[in-house]
């Protein structure tokens, strides 16, 4: 799966989950998209089910999931 597809699918999910309607850029922080702790868990579950990657088991760092771009990069590198 290429970066554009990952970005599209993840951004659509986050927008539907949080109601965030602004443009999501690589440097957009999750906190700026109204992602709270419950939303973050839901995003992790979406990533696991949709991309087959378990972030919880992988021991990701906060830096790897701080921004939209860092999550996309992590997914792309792991696939």
PDB file of N, CA and C in Angstrom:
ATOM      1  N   UNK A   1       0.856  -1.177   0.000  1.00  0.00           N
ATOM      2  CA  UNK A   1       0.000   0.000   0.000  1.00  0.00           C
ATOM      3  C   UNK A   1       0.901   1.238   0.000  1.00  0.00           C
ATOM      4  N   UNK A   2       0.560   2.205  -0.840  1.00  0.00           N
ATOM      5  CA  UNK A   2       1.410   3.384  -0.923  1.00  0.00           C
ATOM      6  C   UNK A   2       1.007   4.459   0.088  1.00  0.00           C
ATOM      7  N   UNK A   3       1.866   5.453   0.228  1.00  0.00           N
ATOM      8  CA  UNK A   3       1.672   6.502   1.232  1.00  0.00           C
ATOM      9  C   UNK A   3       0.360   7.250   1.017  1.00  0.00           C
ATOM     10  N   UNK A   4       0.016   7.553  -0.226  1.00  0.00           N
ATOM     11  CA  UNK A   4      -1.217   8.294  -0.505  1.00  0.00           C
ATOM     12  C   UNK A   4      -2.457   7.532  -0.019  1.00  0.00           C
ATOM     13  N   UNK A   5      -2.471   6.229  -0.241  1.00  0.00           N
ATOM     14  CA  UNK A   5      -3.611   5.415   0.216  1.00  0.00           C
ATOM     15  C   UNK A   5      -3.685   5.366   1.735  1.00  0.00           C
ATOM     16  N   UNK A   6      -2.532   5.216   2.373  1.00  0.00           N
ATOM     17  CA  UNK A   6      -2.503   5.193   3.845  1.00  0.00           C
ATOM     18  C   UNK A   6      -3.023   6.516   4.390  1.00  0.00           C
ATOM     19  N   UNK A   7      -2.522   7.636   3.839  1.00  0.00           N
ATOM     20  CA  UNK A   7      -2.949   8.960   4.298  1.00  0.00           C
ATOM     21  C   UNK A   7      -4.453   9.153   4.106  1.00  0.00           C
ATOM     22  N   UNK A   8      -4.954   8.752   2.953  1.00  0.00           N
ATOM     23  CA  UNK A   8      -6.380   8.930   2.663  1.00  0.00           C
ATOM     24  C   UNK A   8      -7.250   8.133   3.628  1.00  0.00           C
ATOM     25  N   UNK A   9      -6.939   6.867   3.795  1.00  0.00           N
ATOM     26  CA  UNK A   9      -7.763   6.013   4.648  1.00  0.00           C
ATOM     27  C   UNK A   9      -7.687   6.424   6.117  1.00  0.00           C
ATOM     28  N   UNK A  10      -6.490   6.749   6.573  1.00  0.00           N
ATOM     29  CA  UNK A  10      -6.335   7.145   7.978  1.00  0.00           C
ATOM     30  C   UNK A  10      -6.970   8.499   8.239  1.00  0.00           C
ATOM     31  N   UNK A  11      -6.783   9.457   7.342  1.00  0.00           N
ATOM     32  CA  UNK A  11      -7.362  10.790   7.555  1.00  0.00           C
ATOM     33  C   UNK A  11      -8.891  10.732   7.526  1.00  0.00           C
ATOM     34  N   UNK A  12      -9.459   9.924   6.637  1.00  0.00           N
ATOM     35  CA  UNK A  12     -10.917   9.780   6.600  1.00  0.00           C
ATOM     36  C   UNK A  12     -11.435   9.178   7.899  1.00  0.00           C
ATOM     37  N   UNK A  13     -10.713   8.191   8.430  1.00  0.00           N
ATOM     38  CA  UNK A  13     -11.141   7.574   9.684  1.00  0.00           C
ATOM     39  C   UNK A  13     -11.074   8.576  10.836  1.00  0.00           C
ATOM     40  N   UNK A  14      -9.967   9.302  10.926  1.00  0.00           N
ATOM     41  CA  UNK A  14      -9.807  10.278  12.018  1.00  0.00           C
ATOM     42  C   UNK A  14     -10.865  11.372  11.913  1.00  0.00           C
ATOM     43  N   UNK A  15     -11.119  11.858  10.708  1.00  0.00           N
ATOM     44  CA  UNK A  15     -12.141  12.892  10.522  1.00  0.00           C
ATOM     45  C   UNK A  15     -13.520  12.393  10.948  1.00  0.00           C
ATOM     46  N   UNK A  16     -13.850  11.162  10.585  1.00  0.00           N
ATOM     47  CA  UNK A  16     -15.145  10.595  10.972  1.00  0.00           C
ATOM     48  C   UNK A  16     -15.229  10.385  12.480  1.00  0.00           C
ATOM     49  N   UNK A  17     -14.112   9.996  13.075  1.00  0.00           N
ATOM     50  CA  UNK A  17     -14.081   9.717  14.510  1.00  0.00           C
ATOM     51  C   UNK A  17     -14.177  10.985  15.355  1.00  0.00           C
ATOM     52  N   UNK A  18     -13.442  12.017  14.957  1.00  0.00           N
ATOM     53  CA  UNK A  18     -13.334  13.219  15.787  1.00  0.00           C
ATOM     54  C   UNK A  18     -14.141  14.402  15.284  1.00  0.00           C
ATOM     55  N   UNK A  19     -14.580  14.339  14.024  1.00  0.00           N
ATOM     56  CA  UNK A  19     -15.284  15.481  13.453  1.00  0.00           C
ATOM     57  C   UNK A  19     -14.340  16.584  12.993  1.00  0.00           C
ATOM     58  N   UNK A  20     -13.046  16.298  12.934  1.00  0.00           N
ATOM     59  CA  UNK A  20     -12.046  17.269  12.501  1.00  0.00           C
ATOM     60  C   UNK A  20     -12.164  17.440  10.991  1.00  0.00           C
ATOM     61  N   UNK A  21     -12.488  18.655  10.546  1.00  0.00           N
ATOM     62  CA  UNK A  21     -12.741  18.887   9.134  1.00  0.00           C
ATOM     63  C   UNK A  21     -11.675  19.714   8.439  1.00  0.00           C
ATOM     64  N   UNK A  22     -10.681  20.190   9.166  1.00  0.00           N
ATOM     65  CA  UNK A  22      -9.603  20.950   8.549  1.00  0.00           C
ATOM     66  C   UNK A  22      -8.699  20.016   7.757  1.00  0.00           C
ATOM     67  N   UNK A  23      -7.869  20.594   6.920  1.00  0.00           N
ATOM     68  CA  UNK A  23      -6.917  19.792   6.168  1.00  0.00           C
ATOM     69  C   UNK A  23      -5.917  19.158   7.128  1.00  0.00           C
ATOM     70  N   UNK A  24      -5.692  17.880   6.957  1.00  0.00           N
ATOM     71  CA  UNK A  24      -4.734  17.162   7.794  1.00  0.00           C
ATOM     72  C   UNK A  24      -3.418  17.100   7.038  1.00  0.00           C
ATOM     73  N   UNK A  25      -2.389  17.679   7.648  1.00  0.00           N
ATOM     74  CA  UNK A  25      -1.054  17.694   7.045  1.00  0.00           C
ATOM     75  C   UNK A  25      -0.143  16.763   7.836  1.00  0.00           C
ATOM     76  N   UNK A  26       1.038  16.501   7.285  1.00  0.00           N
ATOM     77  CA  UNK A  26       1.991  15.616   7.961  1.00  0.00           C
ATOM     78  C   UNK A  26       2.325  16.090   9.365  1.00  0.00           C
ATOM     79  N   UNK A  27       2.421  17.408   9.559  1.00  0.00           N
ATOM     80  CA  UNK A  27       2.827  17.930  10.865  1.00  0.00           C
ATOM     81  C   UNK A  27       1.649  18.225  11.797  1.00  0.00           C
ATOM     82  N   UNK A  28       0.440  17.843  11.382  1.00  0.00           N
ATOM     83  CA  UNK A  28      -0.726  18.035  12.247  1.00  0.00           C
ATOM     84  C   UNK A  28      -0.645  17.069  13.421  1.00  0.00           C
ATOM     85  N   UNK A  29      -0.659  17.630  14.617  1.00  0.00           N
ATOM     86  CA  UNK A  29      -0.586  16.796  15.821  1.00  0.00           C
ATOM     87  C   UNK A  29      -1.947  16.186  16.124  1.00  0.00           C
ATOM     88  N   UNK A  30      -1.920  14.994  16.688  1.00  0.00           N
ATOM     89  CA  UNK A  30      -3.172  14.321  17.030  1.00  0.00           C
ATOM     90  C   UNK A  30      -3.992  15.167  17.995  1.00  0.00           C
ATOM     91  N   UNK A  31      -3.333  15.813  18.933  1.00  0.00           N
ATOM     92  CA  UNK A  31      -4.045  16.646  19.898  1.00  0.00           C
ATOM     93  C   UNK A  31      -4.792  17.781  19.199  1.00  0.00           C
ATOM     94  N   UNK A  32      -4.220  18.298  18.115  1.00  0.00           N
ATOM     95  CA  UNK A  32      -4.869  19.370  17.363  1.00  0.00           C
ATOM     96  C   UNK A  32      -6.075  18.873  16.572  1.00  0.00           C
ATOM     97  N   UNK A  33      -6.179  17.567  16.394  1.00  0.00           N
ATOM     98  CA  UNK A  33      -7.316  16.968  15.696  1.00  0.00           C
ATOM     99  C   UNK A  33      -8.369  16.465  16.685  1.00  0.00           C
ATOM    100  N   UNK A  34      -8.272  16.910  17.922  1.00  0.00           N
ATOM    101  CA  UNK A  34      -9.220  16.522  18.971  1.00  0.00           C
ATOM    102  C   UNK A  34      -9.187  15.034  19.280  1.00  0.00           C
ATOM    103  N   UNK A  35      -8.014  14.418  19.142  1.00  0.00           N
ATOM    104  CA  UNK A  35      -7.850  13.009  19.482  1.00  0.00           C
ATOM    105  C   UNK A  35      -7.564  12.914  20.973  1.00  0.00           C
ATOM    106  N   UNK A  36      -8.490  12.325  21.713  1.00  0.00           N
ATOM    107  CA  UNK A  36      -8.272  12.094  23.141  1.00  0.00           C
ATOM    108  C   UNK A  36      -7.819  10.648  23.340  1.00  0.00           C
ATOM    109  N   UNK A  37      -7.685  10.224  24.565  1.00  0.00           N
ATOM    110  CA  UNK A  37      -7.148   8.883  24.828  1.00  0.00           C
ATOM    111  C   UNK A  37      -8.055   7.780  24.288  1.00  0.00           C
ATOM    112  N   UNK A  38      -9.354   7.959  24.374  1.00  0.00           N
ATOM    113  CA  UNK A  38     -10.277   6.948  23.853  1.00  0.00           C
ATOM    114  C   UNK A  38     -10.207   6.914  22.328  1.00  0.00           C
ATOM    115  N   UNK A  39     -10.153   8.085  21.712  1.00  0.00           N
ATOM    116  CA  UNK A  39     -10.021   8.142  20.246  1.00  0.00           C
ATOM    117  C   UNK A  39      -8.715   7.503  19.796  1.00  0.00           C
ATOM    118  N   UNK A  40      -7.653   7.706  20.570  1.00  0.00           N
ATOM    119  CA  UNK A  40      -6.357   7.130  20.216  1.00  0.00           C
ATOM    120  C   UNK A  40      -6.428   5.602  20.213  1.00  0.00           C
ATOM    121  N   UNK A  41      -7.087   5.038  21.196  1.00  0.00           N
ATOM    122  CA  UNK A  41      -7.256   3.583  21.239  1.00  0.00           C
ATOM    123  C   UNK A  41      -8.054   3.116  20.020  1.00  0.00           C
ATOM    124  N   UNK A  42      -9.092   3.851  19.660  1.00  0.00           N
ATOM    125  CA  UNK A  42      -9.888   3.490  18.482  1.00  0.00           C
ATOM    126  C   UNK A  42      -9.049   3.574  17.208  1.00  0.00           C
ATOM    127  N   UNK A  43      -8.175   4.561  17.120  1.00  0.00           N
ATOM    128  CA  UNK A  43      -7.282   4.681  15.965  1.00  0.00           C
ATOM    129  C   UNK A  43      -6.331   3.496  15.927  1.00  0.00           C
ATOM    130  N   UNK A  44      -5.799   3.105  17.080  1.00  0.00           N
ATOM    131  CA  UNK A  44      -4.916   1.935  17.146  1.00  0.00           C
ATOM    132  C   UNK A  44      -5.644   0.686  16.659  1.00  0.00           C
ATOM    133  N   UNK A  45      -6.890   0.510  17.090  1.00  0.00           N
ATOM    134  CA  UNK A  45      -7.675  -0.656  16.675  1.00  0.00           C
ATOM    135  C   UNK A  45      -7.924  -0.602  15.171  1.00  0.00           C
ATOM    136  N   UNK A  46      -8.240   0.579  14.630  1.00  0.00           N
ATOM    137  CA  UNK A  46      -8.433   0.733  13.190  1.00  0.00           C
ATOM    138  C   UNK A  46      -7.169   0.339  12.435  1.00  0.00           C
ATOM    139  N   UNK A  47      -6.025   0.831  12.882  1.00  0.00           N
ATOM    140  CA  UNK A  47      -4.753   0.517  12.220  1.00  0.00           C
ATOM    141  C   UNK A  47      -4.484  -0.982  12.272  1.00  0.00           C
ATOM    142  N   UNK A  48      -4.743  -1.586  13.417  1.00  0.00           N
ATOM    143  CA  UNK A  48      -4.515  -3.026  13.545  1.00  0.00           C
ATOM    144  C   UNK A  48      -5.413  -3.820  12.602  1.00  0.00           C
ATOM    145  N   UNK A  49      -6.684  -3.473  12.562  1.00  0.00           N
ATOM    146  CA  UNK A  49      -7.626  -4.218  11.723  1.00  0.00           C
ATOM    147  C   UNK A  49      -7.434  -3.919  10.238  1.00  0.00           C
ATOM    148  N   UNK A  50      -7.202  -2.663   9.923  1.00  0.00           N
ATOM    149  CA  UNK A  50      -7.153  -2.243   8.526  1.00  0.00           C
ATOM    150  C   UNK A  50      -5.803  -2.522   7.859  1.00  0.00           C
ATOM    151  N   UNK A  51      -4.723  -2.310   8.619  1.00  0.00           N
ATOM    152  CA  UNK A  51      -3.393  -2.463   8.045  1.00  0.00           C
ATOM    153  C   UNK A  51      -2.650  -3.690   8.571  1.00  0.00           C
ATOM    154  N   UNK A  52      -3.221  -4.361   9.583  1.00  0.00           N
ATOM    155  CA  UNK A  52      -2.588  -5.553  10.128  1.00  0.00           C
ATOM    156  C   UNK A  52      -1.366  -5.263  10.973  1.00  0.00           C
ATOM    157  N   UNK A  53      -1.328  -4.077  11.572  1.00  0.00           N
ATOM    158  CA  UNK A  53      -0.184  -3.666  12.395  1.00  0.00           C
ATOM    159  C   UNK A  53      -0.668  -3.409  13.815  1.00  0.00           C
ATOM    160  N   UNK A  54      -0.072  -4.061  14.786  1.00  0.00           N
ATOM    161  CA  UNK A  54      -0.426  -3.837  16.179  1.00  0.00           C
ATOM    162  C   UNK A  54       0.552  -2.843  16.791  1.00  0.00           C
ATOM    163  N   UNK A  55       0.090  -1.623  16.972  1.00  0.00           N
ATOM    164  CA  UNK A  55       0.950  -0.591  17.557  1.00  0.00           C
ATOM    165  C   UNK A  55       1.236  -0.879  19.029  1.00  0.00           C
ATOM    166  N   UNK A  56       0.268  -1.436  19.714  1.00  0.00           N
ATOM    167  CA  UNK A  56       0.455  -1.700  21.139  1.00  0.00           C
ATOM    168  C   UNK A  56       1.531  -2.755  21.374  1.00  0.00           C
ATOM    169  N   UNK A  57       1.549  -3.793  20.542  1.00  0.00           N
ATOM    170  CA  UNK A  57       2.544  -4.852  20.693  1.00  0.00           C
ATOM    171  C   UNK A  57       3.912  -4.455  20.159  1.00  0.00           C
ATOM    172  N   UNK A  58       3.942  -3.448  19.283  1.00  0.00           N
ATOM    173  CA  UNK A  58       5.194  -3.049  18.639  1.00  0.00           C
ATOM    174  C   UNK A  58       6.043  -2.137  19.521  1.00  0.00           C
ATOM    175  N   UNK A  59       5.476  -1.639  20.601  1.00  0.00           N
ATOM    176  CA  UNK A  59       6.234  -0.759  21.486  1.00  0.00           C
ATOM    177  C   UNK A  59       6.555   0.585  20.862  1.00  0.00           C
ATOM    178  N   UNK A  60       5.569   1.174  20.176  1.00  0.00           N
ATOM    179  CA  UNK A  60       5.793   2.468  19.542  1.00  0.00           C
ATOM    180  C   UNK A  60       6.053   3.538  20.591  1.00  0.00           C
ATOM    181  N   UNK A  61       6.819   4.541  20.194  1.00  0.00           N
ATOM    182  CA  UNK A  61       7.113   5.654  21.090  1.00  0.00           C
ATOM    183  C   UNK A  61       6.125   6.791  20.842  1.00  0.00           C
ATOM    184  N   UNK A  62       6.083   7.698  21.755  1.00  0.00           N
ATOM    185  CA  UNK A  62       5.199   8.855  21.608  1.00  0.00           C
ATOM    186  C   UNK A  62       5.541   9.659  20.355  1.00  0.00           C
ATOM    187  N   UNK A  63       6.817   9.774  20.062  1.00  0.00           N
ATOM    188  CA  UNK A  63       7.255  10.514  18.881  1.00  0.00           C
ATOM    189  C   UNK A  63       6.743   9.865  17.592  1.00  0.00           C
ATOM    190  N   UNK A  64       6.613   8.548  17.595  1.00  0.00           N
ATOM    191  CA  UNK A  64       6.155   7.835  16.402  1.00  0.00           C
ATOM    192  C   UNK A  64       4.660   8.021  16.145  1.00  0.00           C
ATOM    193  N   UNK A  65       3.938   8.498  17.138  1.00  0.00           N
ATOM    194  CA  UNK A  65       2.498   8.686  16.957  1.00  0.00           C
ATOM    195  C   UNK A  65       2.049  10.101  17.306  1.00  0.00           C
ATOM    196  N   UNK A  66       2.982  11.023  17.387  1.00  0.00           N
ATOM    197  CA  UNK A  66       2.635  12.388  17.786  1.00  0.00           C
ATOM    198  C   UNK A  66       1.922  13.163  16.685  1.00  0.00           C
ATOM    199  N   UNK A  67       2.322  12.953  15.441  1.00  0.00           N
ATOM    200  CA  UNK A  67       1.713  13.671  14.327  1.00  0.00           C
ATOM    201  C   UNK A  67       1.119  12.689  13.325  1.00  0.00           C
ATOM    202  N   UNK A  68       0.262  13.225  12.486  1.00  0.00           N
ATOM    203  CA  UNK A  68      -0.343  12.402  11.436  1.00  0.00           C
ATOM    204  C   UNK A  68       0.737  11.802  10.546  1.00  0.00           C
ATOM    205  N   UNK A  69       1.694  12.617  10.156  1.00  0.00           N
ATOM    206  CA  UNK A  69       2.769  12.150   9.283  1.00  0.00           C
ATOM    207  C   UNK A  69       3.620  11.068   9.912  1.00  0.00           C
ATOM    208  N   UNK A  70       3.867  11.180  11.213  1.00  0.00           N
ATOM    209  CA  UNK A  70       4.692  10.165  11.874  1.00  0.00           C
ATOM    210  C   UNK A  70       3.969   8.822  11.945  1.00  0.00           C
ATOM    211  N   UNK A  71       2.653   8.854  12.101  1.00  0.00           N
ATOM    212  CA  UNK A  71       1.886   7.603  12.106  1.00  0.00           C
ATOM    213  C   UNK A  71       1.894   6.978  10.715  1.00  0.00           C
ATOM    214  N   UNK A  72       1.668   7.803   9.703  1.00  0.00           N
ATOM    215  CA  UNK A  72       1.674   7.308   8.321  1.00  0.00           C
ATOM    216  C   UNK A  72       3.033   6.705   7.994  1.00  0.00           C
ATOM    217  N   UNK A  73       4.094   7.393   8.390  1.00  0.00           N
ATOM    218  CA  UNK A  73       5.455   6.898   8.135  1.00  0.00           C
ATOM    219  C   UNK A  73       5.674   5.561   8.836  1.00  0.00           C
ATOM    220  N   UNK A  74       5.215   5.441  10.073  1.00  0.00           N
ATOM    221  CA  UNK A  74       5.382   4.200  10.814  1.00  0.00           C
ATOM    222  C   UNK A  74       4.626   3.060  10.122  1.00  0.00           C
ATOM    223  N   UNK A  75       3.396   3.318   9.699  1.00  0.00           N
ATOM    224  CA  UNK A  75       2.614   2.289   9.005  1.00  0.00           C
ATOM    225  C   UNK A  75       3.312   1.877   7.729  1.00  0.00           C
ATOM    226  N   UNK A  76       3.764   2.855   6.956  1.00  0.00           N
ATOM    227  CA  UNK A  76       4.416   2.569   5.682  1.00  0.00           C
ATOM    228  C   UNK A  76       5.690   1.764   5.874  1.00  0.00           C
ATOM    229  N   UNK A  77       6.479   2.084   6.884  1.00  0.00           N
ATOM    230  CA  UNK A  77       7.715   1.353   7.142  1.00  0.00           C
ATOM    231  C   UNK A  77       7.457  -0.061   7.641  1.00  0.00           C
ATOM    232  N   UNK A  78       6.350  -0.239   8.341  1.00  0.00           N
ATOM    233  CA  UNK A  78       6.053  -1.538   8.938  1.00  0.00           C
ATOM    234  C   UNK A  78       5.414  -2.504   7.939  1.00  0.00           C
ATOM    235  N   UNK A  79       4.690  -1.957   6.962  1.00  0.00           N
ATOM    236  CA  UNK A  79       4.026  -2.821   5.981  1.00  0.00           C
ATOM    237  C   UNK A  79       5.001  -3.560   5.108  1.00  0.00           C
TER     238      UNK A  79
END
